[in-house]
Protein backbone atom coordinates (compact mmCIF):
# COMPACT_ATOMS: atom_id res chain seq x y z
CA UNK A 1 103.29 243.05 136.48
CA UNK A 2 99.99 242.31 138.23
CA UNK A 3 96.90 244.27 137.16
CA UNK A 4 93.08 244.24 136.90
CA UNK A 5 91.84 243.98 133.33
CA UNK A 6 88.61 244.59 131.69
CA UNK A 7 87.89 242.56 128.51
CA UNK A 8 84.13 242.97 127.69
CA UNK A 9 82.05 246.13 128.06
CA UNK A 10 78.87 244.24 128.16
CA UNK A 11 80.05 242.14 131.08
CA UNK A 12 80.48 245.12 133.33
CA UNK A 13 82.08 244.38 136.77
CA UNK A 14 81.70 240.67 136.04
CA UNK A 15 84.23 241.09 133.14
CA UNK A 16 87.02 242.34 135.48
CA UNK A 17 89.78 239.90 136.54
CA UNK A 18 93.38 239.91 137.89
CA UNK A 19 96.01 239.16 135.22
CA UNK A 20 99.68 239.39 134.44
CA UNK A 21 100.30 242.14 131.86
CA UNK A 22 103.32 243.91 130.35
CA UNK A 23 105.19 246.52 132.30
CA UNK A 24 104.08 249.98 130.99
CA UNK A 25 106.11 252.08 128.49
CA UNK A 26 107.09 255.61 129.46
CA UNK A 27 106.31 257.82 126.53
CA UNK A 28 107.64 261.32 126.03
CA UNK A 29 106.81 263.50 129.04
CA UNK A 30 105.60 260.46 131.04
CA UNK A 31 106.63 258.92 134.30
CA UNK A 32 106.21 255.42 135.56
CA UNK A 33 104.64 255.40 138.97
CA UNK A 34 104.99 252.47 141.32
CA UNK A 35 101.40 252.32 142.63
CA UNK A 36 100.95 252.24 146.34
CA UNK A 37 97.28 252.96 146.28
CA UNK A 38 94.72 253.55 143.59
CA UNK A 39 91.05 254.40 143.16
CA UNK A 40 88.32 254.45 140.54
CA UNK A 41 84.99 255.97 139.66
CA UNK A 42 82.18 253.34 139.77
CA UNK A 43 80.72 254.48 136.48
CA UNK A 44 83.98 254.34 134.47
CA UNK A 45 83.08 250.97 132.85
CA UNK A 46 80.47 252.89 130.85
CA UNK A 47 82.95 255.52 129.73
CA UNK A 48 83.99 255.28 126.04
CA UNK A 49 87.59 256.05 126.88
CA UNK A 50 87.73 252.86 129.06
CA UNK A 51 87.33 250.76 125.86
CA UNK A 52 88.82 252.80 123.05
CA UNK A 53 91.66 255.23 122.45
CA UNK A 54 91.14 258.88 121.29
CA UNK A 55 90.90 257.70 117.63
CA UNK A 56 88.04 255.44 118.51
CA UNK A 57 90.10 252.18 118.19
CA UNK A 58 89.48 249.25 120.46
CA UNK A 59 92.06 248.90 123.09
CA UNK A 60 90.82 245.94 125.13
CA UNK A 61 91.88 244.39 127.40
CA UNK A 62 92.20 247.62 129.41
CA UNK A 63 93.21 248.48 133.01
CA UNK A 64 90.61 250.67 134.77
CA UNK A 65 91.21 253.17 137.59
CA UNK A 66 92.33 256.83 137.18
CA UNK A 67 93.49 257.92 140.66
CA UNK A 68 96.89 257.11 141.90
CA UNK A 69 99.23 257.72 144.79
CA UNK A 70 102.76 256.26 144.69
CA UNK A 71 106.41 256.78 143.81
CA UNK A 72 108.10 257.75 140.65
CA UNK A 73 110.39 254.93 139.43
CA UNK A 74 111.19 256.04 135.82
CA UNK A 75 111.09 259.10 133.59
CA UNK A 76 110.16 259.21 129.94
CA UNK A 77 112.14 261.21 127.38
CA UNK A 78 111.97 264.91 128.01
CA UNK A 79 110.05 264.60 131.34
CA UNK A 80 110.65 267.44 133.75
CA UNK A 81 109.17 268.65 137.06
CA UNK A 82 109.32 265.40 138.91
CA UNK A 83 112.20 263.15 140.02
CA UNK A 84 112.80 259.37 140.46
CA UNK A 85 111.95 258.39 144.01
CA UNK A 86 109.51 261.23 144.49
CA UNK A 87 106.10 260.66 146.21
CA UNK A 88 103.30 261.75 143.91
CA UNK A 89 99.49 261.60 143.50
CA UNK A 90 97.18 262.55 140.73
CA UNK A 91 94.93 261.63 137.82
CA UNK A 92 95.69 259.44 134.74
CA UNK A 93 94.35 259.98 131.20
CA UNK A 94 90.89 258.59 130.51
CA UNK A 95 91.93 256.77 127.24
CA UNK A 96 95.07 255.05 128.60
CA UNK A 97 95.58 252.06 130.84
CA UNK A 98 94.85 253.10 134.44
CA UNK A 99 95.93 252.59 137.99
CA UNK A 100 94.62 249.23 139.19
CA UNK A 101 98.03 247.77 138.63
CA UNK A 102 101.50 247.59 140.23
CA UNK A 103 102.81 250.30 137.90
CA UNK A 104 101.21 252.88 135.65
CA UNK A 105 102.39 255.31 132.98
CA UNK A 106 101.20 258.85 133.63
CA UNK A 107 101.83 262.28 132.02
CA UNK A 108 104.01 264.16 134.53
CA UNK A 109 101.79 267.23 134.41
CA UNK A 110 98.92 265.21 135.79
CA UNK A 111 100.82 264.54 139.01
CA UNK A 112 101.53 266.56 142.07
CA UNK A 113 104.19 266.05 144.74
CA UNK A 114 102.83 264.33 147.89
CA UNK A 115 103.95 265.29 151.31
CA UNK A 116 105.58 262.70 153.43
CA UNK A 117 102.87 262.98 156.15
CA UNK A 118 99.98 262.18 153.88
CA UNK A 119 99.18 258.47 153.61
CA UNK A 120 98.97 256.92 150.13
CA UNK A 121 95.51 255.58 150.81
CA UNK A 122 94.20 259.05 151.70
CA UNK A 123 95.87 260.65 148.74
CA UNK A 124 94.44 258.14 146.26
CA UNK A 125 90.91 259.05 147.54
CA UNK A 126 91.23 262.75 146.63
CA UNK A 127 92.22 263.51 143.05
CA UNK A 128 89.01 263.03 140.95
CA UNK A 129 86.52 263.70 143.79
CA UNK A 130 88.44 266.71 144.97
CA UNK A 131 89.11 268.22 141.60
CA UNK A 132 85.53 267.67 140.48
CA UNK A 133 84.11 269.48 143.47
CA UNK A 134 86.58 272.27 143.21
CA UNK A 135 86.12 272.84 139.47
CA UNK A 136 82.31 272.70 139.68
CA UNK A 137 81.98 275.18 142.46
CA UNK A 138 84.70 277.63 141.55
CA UNK A 139 85.73 277.23 137.92
CA UNK A 140 82.23 276.71 136.49
CA UNK A 141 79.64 278.03 139.02
CA UNK A 142 81.93 280.85 140.42
CA UNK A 143 80.51 280.33 143.80
CA UNK A 144 81.10 283.24 146.24
CA UNK A 145 80.38 284.06 149.83
CA UNK A 146 76.79 284.69 150.73
CA UNK A 147 75.32 282.47 148.00
CA UNK A 148 73.23 279.31 148.54
CA UNK A 149 74.29 276.05 146.88
CA UNK A 150 72.32 272.89 146.57
CA UNK A 151 74.61 269.87 146.49
CA UNK A 152 73.19 266.57 145.29
CA UNK A 153 74.72 263.40 146.60
CA UNK A 154 76.26 265.37 149.44
CA UNK A 155 77.43 262.30 151.42
CA UNK A 156 79.26 260.77 148.42
CA UNK A 157 82.98 261.29 147.88
CA UNK A 158 82.49 264.33 145.53
CA UNK A 159 79.67 265.80 147.58
CA UNK A 160 81.59 265.29 150.84
CA UNK A 161 84.32 267.54 149.59
CA UNK A 162 82.06 269.94 147.78
CA UNK A 163 80.15 270.68 151.04
CA UNK A 164 83.37 271.55 152.90
CA UNK A 165 84.71 273.68 150.07
CA UNK A 166 81.45 275.61 149.76
CA UNK A 167 81.26 276.26 153.46
CA UNK A 168 84.84 277.52 153.70
CA UNK A 169 84.03 279.89 150.82
CA UNK A 170 81.17 281.43 152.93
CA UNK A 171 78.28 279.84 151.13
CA UNK A 172 75.07 278.45 152.60
CA UNK A 173 74.81 274.72 151.77
CA UNK A 174 71.86 272.46 151.37
CA UNK A 175 72.65 268.79 150.85
CA UNK A 176 70.56 266.02 149.33
CA UNK A 177 70.80 262.22 149.30
CA UNK A 178 69.34 259.15 151.06
CA UNK A 179 67.66 259.75 154.38
CA UNK A 180 70.32 257.67 156.14
CA UNK A 181 72.94 260.26 155.09
CA UNK A 182 71.12 263.19 156.81
CA UNK A 183 73.18 263.23 160.02
CA UNK A 184 76.42 262.86 158.09
CA UNK A 185 75.79 265.89 155.87
CA UNK A 186 74.43 268.11 158.73
CA UNK A 187 77.46 267.27 160.82
CA UNK A 188 79.67 268.52 157.94
CA UNK A 189 77.94 271.90 158.40
CA UNK A 190 75.11 271.95 155.84
CA UNK A 191 72.34 274.21 156.79
CA UNK A 192 69.65 271.74 155.66
CA UNK A 193 69.27 268.30 154.09
CA UNK A 194 66.63 266.89 151.74
CA UNK A 195 65.82 263.16 151.50
CA UNK A 196 65.53 262.59 147.72
CA UNK A 197 63.08 259.75 148.38
CA UNK A 198 60.79 261.54 150.71
CA UNK A 199 61.22 265.34 150.57
CA UNK A 200 60.20 267.73 147.75
CA UNK A 201 63.15 269.43 145.99
CA UNK A 202 61.14 272.62 146.05
CA UNK A 203 61.59 272.63 149.79
CA UNK A 204 65.16 273.92 149.13
CA UNK A 205 63.70 277.20 147.90
CA UNK A 206 65.55 279.33 145.34
CA UNK A 207 69.30 278.73 145.16
CA UNK A 208 72.22 280.38 143.35
CA UNK A 209 73.97 277.16 142.43
CA UNK A 210 72.88 273.51 141.99
CA UNK A 211 75.77 271.03 141.79
CA UNK A 212 74.52 267.70 140.45
CA UNK A 213 76.22 264.29 140.45
CA UNK A 214 73.07 262.19 139.96
CA UNK A 215 71.47 263.16 136.60
CA UNK A 216 68.09 262.01 135.40
CA UNK A 217 64.90 263.27 136.92
CA UNK A 218 66.79 264.92 139.84
CA UNK A 219 68.76 266.96 137.39
CA UNK A 220 65.60 267.90 135.43
CA UNK A 221 63.71 269.02 138.51
CA UNK A 222 66.60 271.00 139.80
CA UNK A 223 66.43 273.65 136.99
CA UNK A 224 63.41 275.30 138.51
CA UNK A 225 65.33 275.95 141.75
CA UNK A 226 67.98 278.14 140.18
CA UNK A 227 67.53 281.92 140.70
CA UNK A 228 67.94 284.17 137.65
CA UNK A 229 71.68 284.58 137.06
CA UNK A 230 72.37 281.33 138.86
CA UNK A 231 74.04 278.14 137.60
CA UNK A 232 73.03 274.41 137.28
CA UNK A 233 76.23 272.39 136.87
CA UNK A 234 76.32 268.66 136.43
CA UNK A 235 79.02 265.97 136.06
CA UNK A 236 76.39 263.23 135.48
CA UNK A 237 75.05 264.29 132.12
CA UNK A 238 74.28 267.48 130.13
CA UNK A 239 71.28 269.23 131.56
CA UNK A 240 68.19 268.87 129.32
CA UNK A 241 66.24 271.77 131.03
CA UNK A 242 67.98 275.07 131.43
CA UNK A 243 67.05 277.29 134.40
CA UNK A 244 65.00 280.32 133.64
CA UNK A 245 67.37 283.28 133.34
CA UNK A 246 70.35 281.10 134.42
CA UNK A 247 73.09 278.88 132.98
CA UNK A 248 73.18 275.10 132.68
CA UNK A 249 76.35 273.21 131.93
CA UNK A 250 78.02 269.73 132.01
CA UNK A 251 81.67 269.18 132.39
CA UNK A 252 84.37 266.53 132.74
CA UNK A 253 86.97 267.00 135.46
CA UNK A 254 90.43 268.03 134.18
CA UNK A 255 93.80 267.11 135.71
CA UNK A 256 95.24 270.09 137.55
CA UNK A 257 98.56 270.06 139.53
CA UNK A 258 97.88 273.41 141.21
CA UNK A 259 94.36 272.13 142.16
CA UNK A 260 95.87 268.93 143.71
CA UNK A 261 98.38 270.93 145.67
CA UNK A 262 95.67 273.25 146.98
CA UNK A 263 93.54 270.24 148.12
CA UNK A 264 96.54 268.76 149.86
CA UNK A 265 97.31 271.97 151.69
CA UNK A 266 93.68 272.13 152.92
CA UNK A 267 93.95 268.54 154.22
CA UNK A 268 97.26 269.18 155.99
CA UNK A 269 95.92 272.39 157.53
CA UNK A 270 92.78 270.53 158.83
CA UNK A 271 90.42 272.60 156.63
CA UNK A 272 89.41 269.66 154.57
CA UNK A 273 88.42 266.16 155.84
CA UNK A 274 89.00 263.56 153.23
CA UNK A 275 86.13 261.12 152.57
CA UNK A 276 86.01 257.86 154.42
CA UNK A 277 88.08 255.19 152.84
CA UNK A 278 87.41 251.44 152.33
CA UNK A 279 90.67 249.61 151.57
CA UNK A 280 90.90 246.42 149.68
CA UNK A 281 93.65 244.43 147.97
CA UNK A 282 94.34 244.61 144.22
CA UNK A 283 92.79 241.14 143.57
CA UNK A 284 89.63 242.29 145.35
CA UNK A 285 89.03 245.26 143.03
CA UNK A 286 86.65 243.48 140.62
CA UNK A 287 84.20 242.88 143.51
CA UNK A 288 84.48 246.52 144.61
CA UNK A 289 83.11 247.63 141.27
CA UNK A 290 79.88 245.48 141.85
CA UNK A 291 77.05 248.00 142.70
CA UNK A 292 75.50 245.49 145.04
CA UNK A 293 78.68 245.43 147.16
CA UNK A 294 79.43 249.11 147.11
CA UNK A 295 80.16 250.71 150.44
CA UNK A 296 79.75 254.38 151.55
CA UNK A 297 82.83 256.55 151.05
CA UNK A 298 85.65 255.94 148.64
CA UNK A 299 87.09 252.58 147.81
CA UNK A 300 90.86 252.57 147.62
CA UNK A 301 92.89 249.68 146.29
CA UNK A 302 96.14 249.07 148.23
CA UNK A 303 98.87 247.52 146.14
CA UNK A 304 101.53 245.34 147.88
CA UNK A 305 104.65 247.17 148.86
CA UNK A 306 107.10 244.94 147.03
CA UNK A 307 105.68 243.84 143.72
CA UNK A 308 107.82 241.56 141.57
CA UNK A 309 108.77 243.72 138.56
CA UNK A 310 108.36 241.75 135.35
CA UNK A 311 108.76 243.26 131.87
């Protein structure tokens, strides 16, 4: 089958290339998904799991990408809960070959049924961004109506969804990002926006929750904004400075079928607008990883409808 492979961690995006690779094996409780659309997280070439398995053994060359939307074509031994021919979307394991390929092996529990009226390119843009936003706000920060949440990177794919989820929950939202993103975030419904290059973070005042996707100095300076009893939660790195009288935590998003179904319902009901999508072909995926060529929104790789199946 056709896939994008990564051979050299030091080479970054320059080390990605299209290649012919073996058709994946369906292990116990796996399914094989015929990929219609896939997506990736720009920083995943820095993740240990991209280059080694859970025992720390090198597994290069590897296939990146961990978001998928497609059709089940094969069931592994003992697999239940999905059927051959079913439309599905979801998240693949961090330490296995990923979704930038014509076919991918996925644990069935990491997938959710995809409604016929949801396009594959839209579905592939949702799993990691949507689950990250939902788990940060509600599983870890326990956000409730009436609270104020500061969302860093509010115009990015994760932030875009987080703003909408927080507003629907009845929270007051302050977004941050580049100045060019101000109108986008305010049109989503945020009460205020801070330009991280020009405005002082302290202009946000005291908040109940800070949700960080940036890390570094922005994360460090955010600790002083959290009210006693509040939460600073980051997916960029573990916070170095805890808020006074509050909690600080770092987490990695977890696959969640129920969460995926909830996000899908919100989209179909019109309560959640998916992030803007930039679509490119499978062979163009290496260029899409290049930071210099990165575009706003979510990049989705569209795989040809009729791949030649080769084992």
